[in-house]
Amino acid sequence: MSIFSILFLLTLISSIIGLYKIFEKAGQPGWYVLIPFYNFYIWLRIIKKPLWWYIFILIPFINVFMVLLMIVEVLKCFNKHGLGEQALGVIFPFAYLPYLGFSPKEKYYDPDKAEKIKKTWIREWVDAIIFAVVAATIIRIFFIEAYTIPTSSMEKSLLVGDYLFVSKVSYGPRVPMTPLSFPFVHHTLPLSSTTKSYLEWIKLPYYRFPGISNIEHNDAVVFNYPDGDTLSVKFQSNISYYSLVREYGRDRVSRDTRNFGEITARPVDKRENYIKRCIGLPGDTLSIIEQQVYLNGKPAENPDKLQYKYIVNTNGSKINPKILDRLEITEGGSTSNRGEFVFFLTDEVAIELKRLPNVKKVTKYREPAGKKNNDLFPHYSKYDWNLDNFGPLYIPKSGDIISLNSDNINIYRRVIEAYEGNTLHVKDGKIYINGQEADSYAVKMNYYWMMGDNRHNSADSRYWGFVPEDHIVGKAVFIWLSLDKNRTLFNGKIRWGNMLRLVD
């Protein structure tokens, strides 16, 4: 049993002991607190609240908020009306409830007979703000969260400037692993580019409540950036720390703060949020052959609006900007060669460009098989993979026993070390996990393979590998607003046709 589990049990037992004595002070048998479900009924009678509250006690996630609210009502029964007293009771119920129950100085007062306390307008506002913040935080953590598309990696399926809702209940809400944080911000305090918005005094282990569905192929998934466990404060997640290390060496990146900034680490739930499409599920074997994804030897279903890099050659003239606007071509431009342009296009738009009278040729860019792209996972010389020809690669699932050797250890190194918390060393061709020689590894979590729909302009699993299940945030479900950053309010800034729709 982990230290956290032991502390949680001690906290729970202490709170129950406190409620046992409080029940007795309220004229109820203390042992009622030990009867599941019935104990909440008696608790509601003690604080004189309507029985319809019980409905919310039975609803997951909401019941956490209800228990905190019921603790506040218990405090009121002991004339604890101060904001500080109530805050202490909510934050430290394992200490405050036993104090109220055992202290002979603390007396229970029936709520129906207690004198009504008139609050000042300041207290009314403070209570309202606290309630709003707590309620909004619970909704954001356990139900739904707003998210903005920051990059073009999912064009044309999701556009830069799309505002969408991410469902936490689809795959199951994840309990915050870093619970002490400034509300409504992710990892950095407002008006600062480097100050952390969270404290790591308390760290909770990964736990996810049951969801209403499982991740499926081609789901648009929001997740924490797997390469973001370590990062340069100067570059943040815009440039991967590990890519800097591969290019410049770990020692220089660590020492050269002038060029690379301070190096820091982030917990899982405070890493940058990314959105990609889930291409491979746990247990799949994935390959990319001539730009087509194959899963377990069969062609995978392609998303409707895949984009690729195209080279467009004209007769030397430019392409009319109004035509680019009509075809919604937003990425690319002219090269150093006269009459040559590079655009990121869907196949349908590429056909439209071919029909223009000044266009001579439209060629889809391809990286030929065998031409190694050094920026891609697993960053090992044996694998001559590139964006268009990749794999085969097995995606681990929980419970797998993976055979290890000197070649594939580079594929599963981060699974073993970074994601599942083991030490790993390779010496004289032998693999050591937690100091013990090993030729296999039992995988603890499920892993996923994420790719952007803008296949030649997406930093995705092809660059940094697997996405662990504890990094999954939720499912993108609904676009409620879409704004074009390159336009003004009166010149088409609001993309009406892309609003109020479900995410494909």
Protein backbone atom coordinates (compact mmCIF):
# COMPACT_ATOMS: atom_id res chain seq x y z
CA MET A 1 0.00 0.00 0.00
CA SER A 2 1.34 3.46 -0.97
CA ILE A 3 1.98 6.25 1.52
CA PHE A 4 -0.83 8.22 -0.10
CA SER A 5 -3.27 5.36 0.43
CA ILE A 6 -2.26 5.09 4.09
CA LEU A 7 -2.67 8.85 4.62
CA PHE A 8 -6.04 8.81 2.86
CA LEU A 9 -7.28 5.98 5.08
CA LEU A 10 -6.07 7.75 8.22
CA THR A 11 -7.78 10.96 7.10
CA LEU A 12 -11.03 9.10 6.35
CA ILE A 13 -10.99 7.21 9.65
CA SER A 14 -10.28 10.39 11.62
CA SER A 15 -13.16 12.24 9.92
CA ILE A 16 -15.54 9.33 10.58
CA ILE A 17 -14.53 9.24 14.27
CA GLY A 18 -15.28 12.96 14.47
CA LEU A 19 -18.70 12.50 12.86
CA TYR A 20 -19.38 9.59 15.27
CA LYS A 21 -19.13 11.93 18.25
CA ILE A 22 -20.97 14.75 16.43
CA PHE A 23 -23.88 12.36 15.75
CA GLU A 24 -24.00 11.60 19.48
CA LYS A 25 -23.99 15.29 20.40
CA ALA A 26 -26.90 15.77 17.98
CA GLY A 27 -28.89 13.04 19.76
CA GLN A 28 -28.31 10.26 17.22
CA PRO A 29 -26.53 6.93 17.84
CA GLY A 30 -22.91 7.41 16.83
CA TRP A 31 -22.69 4.04 15.13
CA TYR A 32 -25.14 5.26 12.48
CA VAL A 33 -22.17 6.92 10.82
CA LEU A 34 -20.84 3.45 9.98
CA ILE A 35 -23.89 2.41 7.93
CA PRO A 36 -23.35 3.17 4.23
CA PHE A 37 -26.00 5.45 2.63
CA TYR A 38 -28.06 5.58 5.83
CA ASN A 39 -25.34 7.69 7.43
CA PHE A 40 -25.96 10.50 4.91
CA TYR A 41 -29.70 10.38 5.62
CA ILE A 42 -29.02 10.88 9.35
CA TRP A 43 -26.45 13.59 8.54
CA LEU A 44 -29.09 15.52 6.56
CA ARG A 45 -31.49 15.24 9.52
CA ILE A 46 -28.85 16.59 11.88
CA ILE A 47 -28.16 19.67 9.76
CA LYS A 48 -31.92 19.97 8.95
CA LYS A 49 -31.56 20.01 5.18
CA PRO A 50 -34.19 18.68 2.72
CA LEU A 51 -33.96 15.04 1.73
CA TRP A 52 -33.77 15.93 -1.98
CA TRP A 53 -30.15 16.84 -1.25
CA TYR A 54 -29.62 13.09 -1.10
CA ILE A 55 -30.03 12.90 -4.90
CA PHE A 56 -26.84 14.92 -5.37
CA ILE A 57 -24.98 12.78 -2.83
CA LEU A 58 -25.50 9.83 -5.17
CA ILE A 59 -24.14 11.62 -8.26
CA PRO A 60 -20.39 11.08 -8.83
CA PHE A 61 -18.21 14.22 -8.69
CA ILE A 62 -21.15 16.34 -7.44
CA ASN A 63 -21.11 14.31 -4.23
CA VAL A 64 -17.63 15.64 -3.41
CA PHE A 65 -19.00 19.16 -3.44
CA MET A 66 -22.06 18.09 -1.43
CA VAL A 67 -19.95 16.53 1.34
CA LEU A 68 -17.97 19.77 1.66
CA LEU A 69 -21.22 21.72 1.82
CA MET A 70 -22.57 19.38 4.51
CA ILE A 71 -19.38 19.88 6.55
CA VAL A 72 -20.00 23.64 6.42
CA GLU A 73 -23.56 23.08 7.66
CA VAL A 74 -22.24 20.96 10.54
CA LEU A 75 -19.92 23.80 11.50
CA LYS A 76 -22.89 26.18 11.59
CA CYS A 77 -24.56 23.80 14.07
CA PHE A 78 -21.62 24.54 16.39
CA ASN A 79 -21.87 28.31 15.85
CA LYS A 80 -18.86 28.33 13.51
CA HIS A 81 -19.99 31.06 11.13
CA GLY A 82 -16.64 32.69 10.46
CA LEU A 83 -15.22 32.31 6.98
CA GLY A 84 -11.86 31.23 8.42
CA GLU A 85 -13.46 28.62 10.66
CA GLN A 86 -15.45 27.17 7.79
CA ALA A 87 -12.40 27.14 5.53
CA LEU A 88 -10.43 25.21 8.17
CA GLY A 89 -13.27 22.72 8.53
CA VAL A 90 -13.43 22.09 4.79
CA ILE A 91 -9.66 21.87 4.28
CA PHE A 92 -8.89 19.91 7.46
CA PRO A 93 -12.06 17.92 8.32
CA PHE A 94 -9.93 15.07 9.70
CA ALA A 95 -8.81 17.42 12.51
CA TYR A 96 -11.73 19.84 12.88
CA LEU A 97 -14.56 17.27 13.04
CA PRO A 98 -12.91 15.24 15.84
CA TYR A 99 -12.29 18.51 17.70
CA LEU A 100 -15.98 19.45 17.51
CA GLY A 101 -17.04 15.95 18.50
CA PHE A 102 -14.71 15.41 21.45
CA SER A 103 -14.30 18.91 22.87
CA PRO A 104 -16.60 19.45 25.89
CA LYS A 105 -16.59 23.18 25.12
CA GLU A 106 -18.21 22.71 21.71
CA LYS A 107 -22.00 22.36 21.87
CA TYR A 108 -24.39 21.28 19.13
CA TYR A 109 -27.29 23.69 18.41
CA ASP A 110 -30.38 22.56 16.52
CA PRO A 111 -30.46 24.60 13.27
CA ASP A 112 -34.21 25.22 13.65
CA LYS A 113 -33.67 26.82 17.06
CA ALA A 114 -30.40 28.59 16.40
CA GLU A 115 -30.32 32.36 16.09
CA LYS A 116 -30.13 33.49 12.48
CA ILE A 117 -26.87 35.19 11.62
CA LYS A 118 -27.16 38.29 9.46
CA LYS A 119 -24.21 38.58 7.08
CA THR A 120 -22.72 41.85 5.93
CA TRP A 121 -22.86 42.66 2.23
CA ILE A 122 -19.13 42.01 2.02
CA ARG A 123 -19.57 38.53 3.48
CA GLU A 124 -22.47 37.88 1.10
CA TRP A 125 -20.26 38.77 -1.87
CA VAL A 126 -17.33 36.73 -0.58
CA ASP A 127 -19.54 33.68 -0.06
CA ALA A 128 -21.04 34.08 -3.53
CA ILE A 129 -17.61 34.38 -5.16
CA ILE A 130 -16.25 31.36 -3.28
CA PHE A 131 -19.30 29.32 -4.24
CA ALA A 132 -18.96 30.35 -7.90
CA VAL A 133 -15.24 29.52 -7.97
CA VAL A 134 -15.74 26.13 -6.31
CA ALA A 135 -18.70 25.24 -8.54
CA ALA A 136 -16.90 26.34 -11.72
CA THR A 137 -13.76 24.45 -10.68
CA ILE A 138 -15.73 21.25 -10.10
CA ILE A 139 -17.41 21.61 -13.51
CA ARG A 140 -14.05 22.28 -15.18
CA ILE A 141 -12.31 19.33 -13.52
CA PHE A 142 -15.04 16.72 -13.70
CA PHE A 143 -17.42 17.65 -16.51
CA ILE A 144 -16.42 20.01 -19.28
CA GLU A 145 -13.66 22.51 -20.05
CA ALA A 146 -13.25 25.21 -22.67
CA TYR A 147 -10.29 24.92 -25.01
CA THR A 148 -8.88 26.98 -27.88
CA ILE A 149 -7.15 25.61 -30.99
CA PRO A 150 -3.71 27.33 -30.95
CA THR A 151 -1.98 25.74 -33.96
CA SER A 152 -2.79 24.44 -37.42
CA SER A 153 -1.93 20.78 -36.76
CA MET A 154 -5.61 19.74 -37.12
CA GLU A 155 -6.47 21.87 -40.18
CA LYS A 156 -8.96 21.64 -41.86
CA SER A 157 -10.88 19.60 -39.31
CA LEU A 158 -10.25 22.10 -36.50
CA LEU A 159 -9.12 25.62 -37.32
CA VAL A 160 -6.82 27.99 -35.48
CA GLY A 161 -9.17 30.17 -33.46
CA ASP A 162 -11.83 27.51 -32.88
CA TYR A 163 -13.22 27.60 -29.35
CA LEU A 164 -14.50 24.23 -28.26
CA PHE A 165 -15.71 22.27 -25.28
CA VAL A 166 -13.78 19.24 -24.08
CA SER A 167 -15.82 16.55 -22.35
CA LYS A 168 -14.20 15.10 -19.24
CA VAL A 169 -16.95 12.53 -18.70
CA SER A 170 -16.47 10.89 -22.11
CA TYR A 171 -13.34 8.98 -21.04
CA GLY A 172 -13.79 9.53 -17.31
CA PRO A 173 -12.70 12.59 -15.28
CA ARG A 174 -9.13 12.48 -14.08
CA VAL A 175 -8.49 13.42 -10.45
CA PRO A 176 -6.08 16.40 -10.35
CA MET A 177 -2.59 15.15 -9.58
CA THR A 178 -1.51 18.65 -8.52
CA PRO A 179 -4.58 19.90 -6.61
CA LEU A 180 -3.07 23.06 -5.10
CA SER A 181 -3.27 25.55 -7.96
CA PHE A 182 -4.57 29.00 -8.91
CA PRO A 183 -8.12 28.60 -10.28
CA PHE A 184 -8.93 28.80 -14.00
CA VAL A 185 -5.33 28.86 -15.26
CA HIS A 186 -3.22 25.97 -16.45
CA HIS A 187 0.45 26.08 -15.51
CA THR A 188 1.53 29.75 -15.40
CA LEU A 189 0.15 32.63 -13.35
CA PRO A 190 -1.55 35.52 -15.18
CA LEU A 191 0.73 38.45 -16.10
CA SER A 192 3.75 36.14 -15.93
CA SER A 193 5.49 33.91 -18.44
CA THR A 194 7.44 31.82 -15.94
CA THR A 195 5.77 31.82 -12.50
CA LYS A 196 4.11 28.50 -11.73
CA SER A 197 0.40 28.60 -11.00
CA TYR A 198 0.54 25.51 -8.80
CA LEU A 199 2.21 24.14 -5.69
CA GLU A 200 3.63 20.63 -5.49
CA TRP A 201 3.29 20.25 -1.72
CA ILE A 202 0.57 17.66 -2.34
CA LYS A 203 0.80 15.21 -5.23
CA LEU A 204 -1.94 12.69 -5.84
CA PRO A 205 -1.48 9.43 -7.77
CA TYR A 206 -3.18 8.96 -11.12
CA TYR A 207 -6.83 7.98 -10.84
CA ARG A 208 -9.62 8.24 -13.39
CA PHE A 209 -13.32 7.82 -12.71
CA PRO A 210 -15.28 5.58 -15.10
CA GLY A 211 -16.29 7.30 -18.32
CA ILE A 212 -19.29 6.92 -20.60
CA SER A 213 -17.14 5.65 -23.48
CA ASN A 214 -13.66 4.48 -24.42
CA ILE A 215 -11.24 6.22 -26.74
CA GLU A 216 -11.92 5.07 -30.30
CA HIS A 217 -10.05 5.36 -33.57
CA ASN A 218 -10.22 8.89 -35.04
CA ASP A 219 -11.51 10.54 -31.85
CA ALA A 220 -10.29 14.12 -31.43
CA VAL A 221 -8.53 13.87 -28.05
CA VAL A 222 -7.07 16.52 -25.76
CA PHE A 223 -4.07 15.35 -23.75
CA ASN A 224 -1.03 16.62 -21.88
CA TYR A 225 2.08 16.97 -24.01
CA PRO A 226 4.17 13.82 -23.33
CA ASP A 227 7.48 15.54 -24.09
CA GLY A 228 6.61 18.34 -21.65
CA ASP A 229 7.83 16.71 -18.44
CA THR A 230 11.06 18.71 -18.78
CA LEU A 231 11.27 22.00 -20.61
CA SER A 232 13.22 25.18 -21.18
CA VAL A 233 11.57 28.14 -19.48
CA LYS A 234 12.66 30.28 -22.43
CA PHE A 235 11.09 28.11 -25.14
CA GLN A 236 8.36 26.47 -23.02
CA SER A 237 6.70 23.72 -25.07
CA ASN A 238 7.20 25.52 -28.38
CA ILE A 239 10.49 23.65 -28.75
CA SER A 240 10.90 20.28 -27.07
CA TYR A 241 13.62 20.12 -24.44
CA TYR A 242 14.58 16.69 -25.73
CA SER A 243 15.02 18.00 -29.27
CA LEU A 244 17.33 20.69 -27.88
CA VAL A 245 19.33 18.01 -26.06
CA ARG A 246 19.63 15.93 -29.23
CA GLU A 247 20.86 18.94 -31.17
CA TYR A 248 23.11 20.69 -28.65
CA GLY A 249 23.84 18.11 -25.94
CA ARG A 250 22.44 17.84 -22.42
CA ASP A 251 25.36 19.60 -20.73
CA ARG A 252 25.14 22.72 -22.87
CA VAL A 253 21.36 22.96 -22.62
CA SER A 254 21.61 22.66 -18.82
CA ARG A 255 24.44 25.19 -18.41
CA ASP A 256 23.73 27.76 -21.13
CA THR A 257 20.88 29.65 -19.46
CA ARG A 258 21.48 32.67 -21.69
CA ASN A 259 20.39 30.79 -24.81
CA PHE A 260 18.14 28.12 -23.36
CA GLY A 261 16.83 29.60 -20.12
CA GLU A 262 16.32 27.69 -16.91
CA ILE A 263 15.39 24.02 -17.22
CA THR A 264 12.37 22.99 -15.18
CA ALA A 265 9.96 20.10 -14.81
CA ARG A 266 6.16 19.94 -14.84
CA PRO A 267 3.79 17.36 -13.36
CA VAL A 268 1.59 15.45 -15.80
CA ASP A 269 -1.59 17.50 -15.38
CA LYS A 270 0.27 20.82 -15.76
CA ARG A 271 1.92 20.01 -19.06
CA GLU A 272 0.74 21.81 -22.19
CA ASN A 273 -2.61 20.70 -23.59
CA TYR A 274 -2.46 19.26 -27.11
CA ILE A 275 -5.27 18.15 -29.39
CA LYS A 276 -4.78 15.44 -32.02
CA ARG A 277 -6.69 12.57 -33.51
CA CYS A 278 -6.27 9.12 -31.95
CA ILE A 279 -4.96 6.94 -34.75
CA GLY A 280 -3.72 3.91 -32.82
CA LEU A 281 -5.22 2.24 -29.75
CA PRO A 282 -3.51 0.04 -27.15
CA GLY A 283 -2.65 -3.30 -28.72
CA ASP A 284 -2.57 -1.97 -32.31
CA THR A 285 0.40 -2.42 -34.61
CA LEU A 286 0.76 0.75 -36.65
CA SER A 287 2.53 1.39 -39.94
CA ILE A 288 2.55 4.30 -42.37
CA ILE A 289 3.26 3.30 -45.96
CA GLU A 290 3.32 6.01 -48.62
CA GLN A 291 1.23 8.30 -46.37
CA GLN A 292 -1.47 5.68 -45.71
CA VAL A 293 -1.83 4.53 -42.11
CA TYR A 294 -2.19 0.78 -41.60
CA LEU A 295 -3.47 -0.78 -38.37
CA ASN A 296 -2.80 -4.46 -37.82
CA GLY A 297 -2.00 -4.86 -41.51
CA LYS A 298 -5.19 -3.20 -42.82
CA PRO A 299 -5.62 0.34 -44.20
CA ALA A 300 -7.00 2.63 -41.51
CA GLU A 301 -10.00 4.85 -42.14
CA ASN A 302 -8.73 8.33 -43.01
CA PRO A 303 -10.31 11.47 -41.55
CA ASP A 304 -12.34 13.45 -44.09
CA LYS A 305 -10.14 16.54 -44.25
CA LEU A 306 -6.55 15.33 -44.29
CA GLN A 307 -4.01 17.91 -45.44
CA TYR A 308 -0.60 17.35 -46.98
CA LYS A 309 2.20 19.53 -48.25
CA TYR A 310 1.93 20.34 -51.97
CA ILE A 311 4.35 22.04 -54.34
CA VAL A 312 2.51 24.26 -56.84
CA ASN A 313 4.23 25.52 -59.99
CA THR A 314 2.74 28.34 -62.04
CA ASN A 315 3.75 30.04 -65.28
CA GLY A 316 5.67 32.53 -63.18
CA SER A 317 2.69 34.53 -61.96
CA LYS A 318 1.28 34.65 -58.47
CA ILE A 319 -1.96 33.03 -57.39
CA ASN A 320 -4.75 35.52 -56.81
CA PRO A 321 -5.21 36.03 -53.03
CA LYS A 322 -8.98 36.03 -53.54
CA ILE A 323 -8.72 32.50 -54.94
CA LEU A 324 -6.61 31.40 -51.95
CA ASP A 325 -9.24 32.92 -49.70
CA ARG A 326 -12.10 31.21 -51.54
CA LEU A 327 -10.35 27.84 -51.30
CA GLU A 328 -9.53 28.52 -47.61
CA ILE A 329 -5.80 28.07 -48.16
CA THR A 330 -4.23 29.54 -45.03
CA GLU A 331 -0.76 27.99 -44.85
CA GLY A 332 2.22 28.32 -47.14
CA GLY A 333 3.43 30.75 -49.78
CA SER A 334 6.06 31.36 -52.41
CA THR A 335 9.53 29.81 -52.32
CA SER A 336 12.83 31.22 -53.53
CA ASN A 337 12.10 29.81 -56.99
CA ARG A 338 9.99 32.05 -59.22
CA GLY A 339 6.58 30.60 -59.86
CA GLU A 340 6.91 27.94 -57.14
CA PHE A 341 4.69 27.80 -54.07
CA VAL A 342 4.32 25.47 -51.11
CA PHE A 343 0.84 25.04 -49.66
CA PHE A 344 -0.78 22.67 -47.18
CA LEU A 345 -3.90 21.37 -48.91
CA THR A 346 -6.59 18.75 -48.85
CA ASP A 347 -6.66 16.53 -51.94
CA GLU A 348 -9.89 18.20 -53.07
CA VAL A 349 -8.40 21.70 -52.90
CA ALA A 350 -5.30 20.49 -54.75
CA ILE A 351 -7.58 19.42 -57.62
CA GLU A 352 -9.18 22.88 -57.63
CA LEU A 353 -5.77 24.53 -57.89
CA LYS A 354 -4.83 22.37 -60.86
CA ARG A 355 -7.75 23.89 -62.77
CA LEU A 356 -6.39 27.42 -62.57
CA PRO A 357 -5.12 28.62 -65.97
CA ASN A 358 -1.77 29.87 -64.62
CA VAL A 359 -1.01 26.66 -62.67
CA LYS A 360 1.21 24.22 -64.57
CA LYS A 361 1.71 21.48 -61.98
CA VAL A 362 0.55 20.50 -58.48
CA THR A 363 2.70 17.84 -56.80
CA LYS A 364 2.08 16.20 -53.44
CA TYR A 365 5.24 16.19 -51.34
CA ARG A 366 6.41 12.73 -50.26
CA GLU A 367 9.27 11.50 -48.11
CA PRO A 368 10.45 8.29 -49.83
CA ALA A 369 10.74 5.03 -47.92
CA GLY A 370 14.22 4.53 -46.47
CA LYS A 371 15.00 8.25 -46.22
CA LYS A 372 15.47 8.74 -42.48
CA ASN A 373 14.03 11.80 -40.73
CA ASN A 374 16.28 12.34 -37.70
CA ASP A 375 13.66 14.37 -35.85
CA LEU A 376 11.27 11.44 -35.52
CA PHE A 377 10.67 8.91 -32.78
CA PRO A 378 12.45 6.77 -31.60
CA HIS A 379 15.51 8.89 -32.52
CA TYR A 380 17.67 5.83 -33.11
CA SER A 381 19.80 5.09 -36.15
CA LYS A 382 18.37 1.62 -36.76
CA TYR A 383 14.96 2.98 -37.70
CA ASP A 384 14.96 4.81 -41.06
CA TRP A 385 11.45 6.18 -40.60
CA ASN A 386 9.98 9.45 -41.86
CA LEU A 387 6.65 11.29 -41.91
CA ASP A 388 5.24 9.28 -44.81
CA ASN A 389 6.81 5.88 -44.12
CA PHE A 390 6.86 4.86 -40.48
CA GLY A 391 6.84 1.65 -38.47
CA PRO A 392 5.73 -1.04 -37.98
CA LEU A 393 5.33 -0.16 -34.33
CA TYR A 394 3.42 -1.94 -31.56
CA ILE A 395 1.39 0.29 -29.21
CA PRO A 396 1.52 -1.15 -25.66
CA LYS A 397 -1.55 -1.95 -23.62
CA SER A 398 -1.91 -2.52 -19.90
CA GLY A 399 -0.80 -6.03 -18.93
CA ASP A 400 1.42 -6.61 -21.95
CA ILE A 401 4.70 -8.42 -21.40
CA ILE A 402 7.06 -6.83 -23.91
CA SER A 403 10.28 -8.61 -24.83
CA LEU A 404 13.22 -6.19 -24.71
CA ASN A 405 16.41 -6.08 -26.72
CA SER A 406 19.11 -3.57 -27.60
CA ASP A 407 17.06 -2.25 -30.53
CA ASN A 408 13.50 -1.89 -29.26
CA ILE A 409 14.57 -0.59 -25.84
CA ASN A 410 14.78 2.81 -27.53
CA ILE A 411 11.10 2.52 -28.47
CA TYR A 412 9.92 1.62 -24.98
CA ARG A 413 12.49 3.53 -22.90
CA ARG A 414 10.16 6.43 -22.02
CA VAL A 415 7.33 4.01 -21.26
CA ILE A 416 9.53 2.29 -18.69
CA GLU A 417 11.32 5.34 -17.30
CA ALA A 418 9.36 8.56 -17.70
CA TYR A 419 5.79 7.29 -17.75
CA GLU A 420 5.89 4.33 -15.36
CA GLY A 421 8.62 5.55 -12.98
CA ASN A 422 11.33 2.91 -13.24
CA THR A 423 15.09 3.29 -13.53
CA LEU A 424 16.60 1.86 -16.69
CA HIS A 425 20.22 1.32 -17.70
CA VAL A 426 21.83 -0.44 -20.63
CA LYS A 427 25.35 -1.73 -20.00
CA ASP A 428 27.41 -4.14 -22.10
CA GLY A 429 24.34 -4.95 -24.18
CA LYS A 430 22.31 -5.91 -21.10
CA ILE A 431 19.20 -4.10 -19.88
CA TYR A 432 18.71 -3.31 -16.19
CA ILE A 433 15.34 -2.18 -14.79
CA ASN A 434 15.42 -0.97 -11.18
CA GLY A 435 18.87 -2.51 -10.88
CA GLN A 436 17.78 -5.97 -12.03
CA GLU A 437 18.75 -7.48 -15.37
CA ALA A 438 15.64 -7.81 -17.54
CA ASP A 439 14.71 -9.14 -20.95
CA SER A 440 11.03 -8.18 -20.72
CA TYR A 441 8.76 -5.60 -19.12
CA ALA A 442 5.15 -5.77 -17.84
CA VAL A 443 3.33 -2.64 -19.03
CA LYS A 444 1.14 -0.94 -16.42
CA MET A 445 -0.82 1.62 -18.47
CA ASN A 446 -2.55 1.81 -21.83
CA TYR A 447 -0.89 3.89 -24.54
CA TYR A 448 -2.20 5.72 -27.60
CA TRP A 449 -0.88 7.04 -30.92
CA MET A 450 -1.96 10.58 -31.79
CA MET A 451 -1.57 12.36 -35.13
CA GLY A 452 -2.73 15.67 -36.56
CA ASP A 453 -4.91 15.86 -39.66
CA ASN A 454 -2.42 18.31 -41.17
CA ARG A 455 -0.01 15.44 -41.71
CA HIS A 456 3.02 17.41 -42.94
CA ASN A 457 2.64 20.20 -40.39
CA SER A 458 1.87 18.48 -37.11
CA ALA A 459 4.12 17.77 -34.14
CA ASP A 460 2.58 14.51 -33.00
CA SER A 461 3.37 10.93 -31.98
CA ARG A 462 5.67 10.56 -34.96
CA TYR A 463 7.97 13.01 -33.14
CA TRP A 464 7.57 12.03 -29.48
CA GLY A 465 5.98 8.60 -29.42
CA PHE A 466 3.24 7.17 -27.24
CA VAL A 467 0.65 9.06 -25.19
CA PRO A 468 0.05 7.38 -21.78
CA GLU A 469 -3.49 7.04 -20.47
CA ASP A 470 -2.71 9.27 -17.46
CA HIS A 471 -2.04 12.13 -19.93
CA ILE A 472 -5.54 11.95 -21.44
CA VAL A 473 -7.63 15.04 -20.60
CA GLY A 474 -10.85 14.52 -22.53
CA LYS A 475 -12.70 14.38 -25.83
CA ALA A 476 -13.26 17.43 -28.06
CA VAL A 477 -17.01 17.46 -28.64
CA PHE A 478 -18.41 20.86 -29.66
CA ILE A 479 -17.24 24.08 -31.34
CA TRP A 480 -19.13 27.04 -29.91
CA LEU A 481 -17.16 29.90 -31.48
CA SER A 482 -14.72 30.26 -34.38
CA LEU A 483 -12.63 33.39 -34.96
CA ASP A 484 -10.22 34.15 -37.79
CA LYS A 485 -7.25 35.98 -36.24
CA ASN A 486 -6.29 37.49 -39.61
CA ARG A 487 -9.60 39.30 -40.10
CA THR A 488 -11.40 42.19 -38.45
CA LEU A 489 -14.77 42.03 -36.76
CA PHE A 490 -16.49 43.62 -39.76
CA ASN A 491 -14.56 41.63 -42.35
CA GLY A 492 -15.38 38.01 -41.64
CA LYS A 493 -13.62 37.54 -38.30
CA ILE A 494 -16.43 35.33 -37.05
CA ARG A 495 -16.53 32.09 -39.06
CA TRP A 496 -20.27 31.52 -38.81
CA GLY A 497 -20.21 28.29 -40.79
CA ASN A 498 -17.78 26.67 -38.36
CA MET A 499 -19.72 27.53 -35.19
CA LEU A 500 -22.21 25.54 -33.12
CA ARG A 501 -21.24 22.17 -34.55
CA LEU A 502 -20.06 18.84 -33.23
CA VAL A 503 -16.40 17.90 -33.68
CA ASP A 504 -16.03 15.28 -36.41
